[in-house]
N, C-alpha and C. Protein backbone atom coordinates (compact mmCIF):
# COMPACT_ATOMS: atom_id res chain seq x y z
N GLN A 1 51.03 124.45 65.44
CA GLN A 1 50.66 125.18 66.62
C GLN A 1 51.03 124.39 67.87
N VAL A 2 51.86 124.99 68.71
CA VAL A 2 52.26 124.38 69.98
C VAL A 2 52.08 125.43 71.07
N ARG A 3 51.40 125.03 72.11
CA ARG A 3 51.23 125.89 73.27
C ARG A 3 51.96 125.29 74.45
N LEU A 4 52.67 126.11 75.19
CA LEU A 4 53.43 125.68 76.35
C LEU A 4 52.90 126.37 77.59
N VAL A 5 52.65 125.59 78.63
CA VAL A 5 52.15 126.13 79.89
C VAL A 5 53.00 125.60 81.02
N GLU A 6 53.67 126.51 81.73
CA GLU A 6 54.53 126.14 82.85
C GLU A 6 53.74 126.12 84.15
N SER A 7 54.23 125.34 85.09
CA SER A 7 53.66 125.30 86.42
C SER A 7 54.71 124.79 87.39
N GLY A 8 54.46 124.96 88.67
CA GLY A 8 55.34 124.42 89.69
C GLY A 8 56.22 125.44 90.38
N GLY A 9 56.19 126.68 89.94
CA GLY A 9 56.99 127.70 90.58
C GLY A 9 56.44 128.05 91.95
N GLY A 10 57.24 128.77 92.71
CA GLY A 10 56.83 129.19 94.03
C GLY A 10 58.02 129.65 94.84
N SER A 11 57.82 129.72 96.13
CA SER A 11 58.87 130.15 97.06
C SER A 11 59.43 128.95 97.80
N VAL A 12 60.74 128.95 97.95
CA VAL A 12 61.41 127.86 98.63
C VAL A 12 62.65 128.41 99.33
N GLU A 13 63.02 127.80 100.43
CA GLU A 13 64.22 128.22 101.15
C GLU A 13 65.46 127.68 100.45
N ALA A 14 66.55 128.39 100.61
CA ALA A 14 67.82 127.94 100.05
C ALA A 14 68.13 126.54 100.53
N GLY A 15 68.61 125.72 99.61
CA GLY A 15 68.90 124.33 99.93
C GLY A 15 67.75 123.40 99.62
N GLY A 16 66.59 123.96 99.34
CA GLY A 16 65.42 123.16 99.04
C GLY A 16 65.37 122.77 97.58
N SER A 17 64.22 122.28 97.17
CA SER A 17 64.06 121.81 95.80
C SER A 17 62.69 122.16 95.25
N LEU A 18 62.61 122.19 93.94
CA LEU A 18 61.37 122.42 93.22
C LEU A 18 61.40 121.62 91.93
N THR A 19 60.23 121.27 91.46
CA THR A 19 60.10 120.66 90.15
C THR A 19 59.14 121.47 89.31
N LEU A 20 59.61 121.96 88.19
CA LEU A 20 58.80 122.72 87.27
C LEU A 20 58.29 121.80 86.17
N SER A 21 57.09 122.08 85.71
CA SER A 21 56.49 121.30 84.63
C SER A 21 56.13 122.21 83.47
N CYS A 22 56.23 121.68 82.28
CA CYS A 22 55.83 122.39 81.07
C CYS A 22 54.98 121.45 80.24
N ALA A 23 53.70 121.73 80.17
CA ALA A 23 52.77 120.92 79.40
C ALA A 23 52.63 121.50 78.00
N ALA A 24 52.83 120.66 77.01
CA ALA A 24 52.75 121.08 75.62
C ALA A 24 51.49 120.51 74.98
N SER A 25 50.84 121.33 74.19
CA SER A 25 49.67 120.90 73.45
C SER A 25 49.77 121.35 72.01
N GLY A 26 49.02 120.71 71.14
CA GLY A 26 49.09 121.01 69.73
C GLY A 26 49.90 119.96 68.99
N TYR A 27 50.61 120.39 67.96
CA TYR A 27 51.42 119.47 67.17
C TYR A 27 52.76 119.24 67.83
N THR A 28 52.72 118.57 68.96
CA THR A 28 53.92 118.38 69.76
C THR A 28 54.95 117.47 69.09
N TYR A 29 54.53 116.68 68.12
CA TYR A 29 55.47 115.81 67.43
C TYR A 29 56.50 116.58 66.62
N SER A 30 56.21 117.83 66.37
CA SER A 30 57.11 118.67 65.59
C SER A 30 58.21 119.30 66.43
N THR A 31 58.12 119.20 67.74
CA THR A 31 59.14 119.81 68.58
C THR A 31 60.46 119.07 68.45
N ASN A 32 61.54 119.80 68.49
CA ASN A 32 62.86 119.24 68.32
C ASN A 32 63.74 119.48 69.55
N CYS A 33 63.85 120.71 69.92
CA CYS A 33 64.59 121.09 71.12
C CYS A 33 63.64 121.78 72.08
N MET A 34 63.60 121.34 73.31
CA MET A 34 62.76 121.95 74.32
C MET A 34 63.56 122.17 75.59
N GLY A 35 63.17 123.17 76.34
CA GLY A 35 63.89 123.37 77.58
C GLY A 35 63.47 124.59 78.35
N TRP A 36 64.34 124.94 79.28
CA TRP A 36 64.05 125.98 80.25
C TRP A 36 65.05 127.12 80.19
N PHE A 37 64.54 128.32 80.30
CA PHE A 37 65.33 129.53 80.40
C PHE A 37 64.86 130.30 81.63
N ARG A 38 65.66 131.22 82.09
CA ARG A 38 65.26 132.03 83.23
C ARG A 38 65.77 133.45 83.07
N GLN A 39 65.07 134.35 83.71
CA GLN A 39 65.45 135.75 83.67
C GLN A 39 65.15 136.40 85.01
N ALA A 40 66.17 136.94 85.62
CA ALA A 40 66.02 137.68 86.86
C ALA A 40 65.90 139.16 86.56
N PRO A 41 65.28 139.93 87.44
CA PRO A 41 65.13 141.37 87.20
C PRO A 41 66.46 142.04 86.92
N GLY A 42 66.51 142.83 85.86
CA GLY A 42 67.71 143.56 85.50
C GLY A 42 68.79 142.73 84.84
N LYS A 43 68.52 141.47 84.55
CA LYS A 43 69.51 140.61 83.93
C LYS A 43 69.01 140.05 82.61
N GLU A 44 69.95 139.58 81.81
CA GLU A 44 69.61 138.96 80.54
C GLU A 44 69.02 137.58 80.77
N ARG A 45 68.17 137.16 79.86
CA ARG A 45 67.65 135.81 79.93
C ARG A 45 68.77 134.83 79.61
N GLU A 46 68.80 133.73 80.33
CA GLU A 46 69.84 132.74 80.15
C GLU A 46 69.25 131.34 80.05
N GLY A 47 69.93 130.50 79.32
CA GLY A 47 69.52 129.11 79.23
C GLY A 47 69.84 128.37 80.51
N VAL A 48 68.98 127.47 80.90
CA VAL A 48 69.15 126.67 82.10
C VAL A 48 69.40 125.21 81.75
N ALA A 49 68.45 124.62 81.05
CA ALA A 49 68.55 123.21 80.67
C ALA A 49 67.68 122.96 79.46
N LEU A 50 68.19 122.18 78.52
CA LEU A 50 67.44 121.84 77.33
C LEU A 50 67.59 120.37 77.01
N ILE A 51 66.62 119.86 76.26
CA ILE A 51 66.64 118.47 75.84
C ILE A 51 66.33 118.39 74.35
N TYR A 52 67.11 117.60 73.65
CA TYR A 52 66.90 117.36 72.23
C TYR A 52 66.01 116.12 72.12
N THR A 53 64.82 116.31 71.58
CA THR A 53 63.84 115.22 71.59
C THR A 53 64.20 114.07 70.67
N GLY A 54 65.11 114.28 69.73
CA GLY A 54 65.49 113.22 68.82
C GLY A 54 66.16 112.05 69.51
N ASP A 55 67.02 112.32 70.45
CA ASP A 55 67.73 111.26 71.16
C ASP A 55 67.79 111.49 72.66
N SER A 56 67.05 112.47 73.15
CA SER A 56 66.97 112.80 74.58
C SER A 56 68.28 113.31 75.16
N SER A 57 69.15 113.82 74.31
CA SER A 57 70.37 114.44 74.81
C SER A 57 70.01 115.67 75.63
N THR A 58 70.72 115.89 76.71
CA THR A 58 70.44 117.01 77.60
C THR A 58 71.63 117.96 77.66
N TYR A 59 71.32 119.21 77.94
CA TYR A 59 72.31 120.27 77.99
C TYR A 59 72.01 121.15 79.19
N TYR A 60 73.04 121.44 79.99
CA TYR A 60 72.86 122.21 81.20
C TYR A 60 73.82 123.38 81.28
N ALA A 61 73.33 124.46 81.84
CA ALA A 61 74.20 125.58 82.15
C ALA A 61 75.14 125.19 83.28
N ASP A 62 76.35 125.72 83.25
CA ASP A 62 77.32 125.41 84.29
C ASP A 62 76.79 125.80 85.67
N SER A 63 75.99 126.83 85.74
CA SER A 63 75.49 127.32 87.01
C SER A 63 74.54 126.35 87.71
N VAL A 64 73.95 125.43 86.96
CA VAL A 64 73.00 124.49 87.55
C VAL A 64 73.43 123.05 87.39
N LYS A 65 74.52 122.80 86.71
CA LYS A 65 74.98 121.44 86.48
C LYS A 65 75.22 120.74 87.81
N GLY A 66 74.64 119.56 87.93
CA GLY A 66 74.75 118.80 89.17
C GLY A 66 73.61 119.07 90.13
N ARG A 67 72.84 120.12 89.88
CA ARG A 67 71.72 120.48 90.74
C ARG A 67 70.38 120.42 90.02
N ALA A 68 70.40 120.31 88.71
CA ALA A 68 69.18 120.33 87.92
C ALA A 68 69.12 119.12 87.00
N THR A 69 67.90 118.65 86.78
CA THR A 69 67.67 117.53 85.88
C THR A 69 66.47 117.85 84.99
N ILE A 70 66.68 117.80 83.69
CA ILE A 70 65.58 117.98 82.76
C ILE A 70 65.17 116.61 82.24
N SER A 71 63.87 116.40 82.13
CA SER A 71 63.36 115.13 81.66
C SER A 71 62.12 115.36 80.81
N ARG A 72 61.74 114.34 80.08
CA ARG A 72 60.61 114.45 79.17
C ARG A 72 59.74 113.20 79.27
N ASP A 73 58.44 113.42 79.37
CA ASP A 73 57.47 112.35 79.32
C ASP A 73 56.75 112.49 77.99
N HIS A 74 57.12 111.65 77.04
CA HIS A 74 56.57 111.75 75.70
C HIS A 74 55.05 111.57 75.68
N PHE A 75 54.56 110.61 76.45
CA PHE A 75 53.14 110.30 76.41
C PHE A 75 52.28 111.34 77.11
N LYS A 76 52.86 112.08 78.03
CA LYS A 76 52.14 113.16 78.70
C LYS A 76 52.39 114.51 78.04
N ASN A 77 53.26 114.52 77.03
CA ASN A 77 53.61 115.76 76.34
C ASN A 77 54.08 116.83 77.32
N THR A 78 54.94 116.42 78.22
CA THR A 78 55.38 117.29 79.30
C THR A 78 56.88 117.15 79.52
N ILE A 79 57.54 118.27 79.77
CA ILE A 79 58.92 118.24 80.21
C ILE A 79 59.00 118.80 81.62
N TYR A 80 60.03 118.39 82.34
CA TYR A 80 60.19 118.77 83.73
C TYR A 80 61.58 119.33 83.97
N LEU A 81 61.67 120.15 84.98
CA LEU A 81 62.96 120.61 85.46
C LEU A 81 62.97 120.44 86.97
N GLN A 82 63.75 119.49 87.44
CA GLN A 82 63.92 119.28 88.87
C GLN A 82 65.16 120.03 89.32
N MET A 83 65.01 120.88 90.31
CA MET A 83 66.11 121.66 90.82
C MET A 83 66.31 121.36 92.30
N ASN A 84 67.52 121.03 92.65
CA ASN A 84 67.88 120.71 94.02
C ASN A 84 68.93 121.70 94.52
N SER A 85 69.12 121.70 95.83
CA SER A 85 70.13 122.57 96.44
C SER A 85 70.01 123.99 95.91
N LEU A 86 68.82 124.51 95.94
CA LEU A 86 68.56 125.82 95.36
C LEU A 86 69.31 126.92 96.08
N LYS A 87 69.75 127.89 95.30
CA LYS A 87 70.46 129.05 95.81
C LYS A 87 69.64 130.30 95.54
N THR A 88 69.93 131.36 96.27
CA THR A 88 69.21 132.61 96.04
C THR A 88 69.42 133.10 94.62
N GLU A 89 70.56 132.78 94.03
CA GLU A 89 70.84 133.18 92.66
C GLU A 89 69.93 132.49 91.64
N ASP A 90 69.23 131.45 92.06
CA ASP A 90 68.30 130.76 91.17
C ASP A 90 66.96 131.48 91.06
N SER A 91 66.73 132.47 91.87
CA SER A 91 65.48 133.22 91.82
C SER A 91 65.33 133.90 90.46
N ALA A 92 64.23 133.63 89.80
CA ALA A 92 64.00 134.19 88.46
C ALA A 92 62.63 133.75 87.96
N MET A 93 62.24 134.34 86.85
CA MET A 93 61.10 133.84 86.11
C MET A 93 61.62 132.76 85.17
N TYR A 94 61.04 131.59 85.25
CA TYR A 94 61.48 130.47 84.43
C TYR A 94 60.51 130.27 83.27
N TYR A 95 61.07 130.18 82.07
CA TYR A 95 60.27 130.04 80.86
C TYR A 95 60.57 128.72 80.17
N CYS A 96 59.53 128.09 79.70
CA CYS A 96 59.65 126.91 78.86
C CYS A 96 59.62 127.36 77.41
N ALA A 97 60.42 126.73 76.58
CA ALA A 97 60.47 127.09 75.17
C ALA A 97 60.70 125.86 74.30
N ALA A 98 60.32 125.97 73.03
CA ALA A 98 60.47 124.86 72.10
C ALA A 98 60.91 125.36 70.74
N ALA A 99 61.73 124.57 70.08
CA ALA A 99 62.13 124.80 68.70
C ALA A 99 61.64 123.64 67.86
N PHE A 100 61.28 123.92 66.61
CA PHE A 100 60.61 122.91 65.79
C PHE A 100 61.48 122.33 64.68
N SER A 101 62.69 122.78 64.55
CA SER A 101 63.55 122.26 63.51
C SER A 101 65.01 122.46 63.89
N GLY A 102 65.88 121.83 63.11
CA GLY A 102 67.30 122.00 63.32
C GLY A 102 67.95 120.81 63.99
N PRO A 103 69.27 120.77 63.94
CA PRO A 103 70.01 119.67 64.56
C PRO A 103 70.13 119.87 66.06
N SER A 104 70.72 118.90 66.71
CA SER A 104 70.87 118.97 68.16
C SER A 104 71.72 120.14 68.61
N SER A 105 72.57 120.63 67.72
CA SER A 105 73.43 121.75 68.07
C SER A 105 72.65 123.00 68.44
N GLN A 106 71.41 123.09 67.99
CA GLN A 106 70.61 124.26 68.32
C GLN A 106 70.35 124.34 69.83
N CYS A 107 70.33 123.21 70.49
CA CYS A 107 70.12 123.20 71.94
C CYS A 107 71.31 123.84 72.65
N SER A 108 72.51 123.45 72.27
CA SER A 108 73.68 124.03 72.89
C SER A 108 73.82 125.51 72.54
N THR A 109 73.43 125.86 71.32
CA THR A 109 73.45 127.26 70.91
C THR A 109 72.50 128.08 71.77
N ALA A 110 71.29 127.57 71.96
CA ALA A 110 70.31 128.27 72.78
C ALA A 110 70.75 128.36 74.23
N LEU A 111 71.41 127.33 74.72
CA LEU A 111 71.86 127.32 76.10
C LEU A 111 72.88 128.42 76.35
N ARG A 112 73.77 128.63 75.41
CA ARG A 112 74.82 129.64 75.57
C ARG A 112 74.28 131.05 75.46
N GLY A 113 73.18 131.21 74.75
CA GLY A 113 72.56 132.51 74.63
C GLY A 113 71.23 132.53 75.36
N GLY A 114 70.40 133.48 75.01
CA GLY A 114 69.11 133.60 75.64
C GLY A 114 68.00 132.86 74.93
N GLY A 115 68.31 132.28 73.77
CA GLY A 115 67.35 131.47 73.05
C GLY A 115 66.47 132.22 72.07
N ASP A 116 66.60 133.53 72.00
CA ASP A 116 65.72 134.32 71.13
C ASP A 116 65.84 133.94 69.66
N ASP A 117 67.04 133.60 69.22
CA ASP A 117 67.26 133.30 67.80
C ASP A 117 67.08 131.83 67.48
N VAL A 118 66.76 131.02 68.46
CA VAL A 118 66.65 129.58 68.26
C VAL A 118 65.25 129.06 68.56
N MET A 119 64.71 129.42 69.69
CA MET A 119 63.42 128.88 70.10
C MET A 119 62.28 129.57 69.37
N ASP A 120 61.25 128.81 69.06
CA ASP A 120 60.13 129.30 68.26
C ASP A 120 58.90 129.66 69.07
N THR A 121 58.66 128.96 70.15
CA THR A 121 57.48 129.17 70.98
C THR A 121 57.86 129.23 72.44
N TRP A 122 57.27 130.16 73.15
CA TRP A 122 57.57 130.37 74.56
C TRP A 122 56.31 130.31 75.41
N GLY A 123 56.46 129.82 76.63
CA GLY A 123 55.39 129.87 77.60
C GLY A 123 55.39 131.21 78.31
N LYS A 124 54.41 131.41 79.16
CA LYS A 124 54.28 132.67 79.89
C LYS A 124 55.23 132.78 81.07
N GLY A 125 55.72 131.66 81.56
CA GLY A 125 56.67 131.65 82.65
C GLY A 125 56.06 131.28 83.98
N THR A 126 56.91 130.83 84.89
CA THR A 126 56.52 130.55 86.26
C THR A 126 57.64 131.06 87.17
N SER A 127 57.25 131.75 88.22
CA SER A 127 58.22 132.43 89.07
C SER A 127 58.77 131.52 90.16
N VAL A 128 60.08 131.61 90.36
CA VAL A 128 60.76 130.88 91.43
C VAL A 128 61.49 131.88 92.31
N THR A 129 61.22 131.82 93.60
CA THR A 129 61.89 132.69 94.55
C THR A 129 62.56 131.83 95.62
N VAL A 130 63.86 132.01 95.76
CA VAL A 130 64.64 131.26 96.74
C VAL A 130 65.11 132.23 97.81
N SER A 131 64.78 131.95 99.05
CA SER A 131 65.14 132.82 100.15
C SER A 131 66.14 132.15 101.07
N SER A 132 66.94 132.96 101.75
CA SER A 132 67.93 132.45 102.68
C SER A 132 67.31 132.11 104.02
C-alpha cells in the first residue's frame, strides 16, 4: 500500500517558478519508478519527469528539459518537481505516480506515454496555472 499526496500547485506568472511535492506513505521501499505527469483540459495526459529509485536516473519530457528538475528525498519519502521559466503551456493538473516493479526502462516508457500501463498508484493531483 502506497499513498501519494501532491502539494505546491498554484498560480504563477509566465517566467516564474514553482516546486511541487509528492509525499509518499506506506510501503515506500517497494517503489521503483516515480514521477510526474500532467493533463490539460481537452488534452491527453503526458509524462513530465520521472526518477528511477534504483540508481536515481532521471527522465524528462522534451517540453520541460532544461526547465524542470525532479529529485527525491529518501528519508522524507518525498519527490519534488522544480519548474523554472514557466510557460502558459505548462498549465495543467499535475499528478504524482509510482510503479512498484520493473526495470528502469519503464520510466522512459511511461514518459513517452501517459503512464496508464506502467504506473500503479496515482495521487489526486495539484493544479498549476501559468498566466501571461
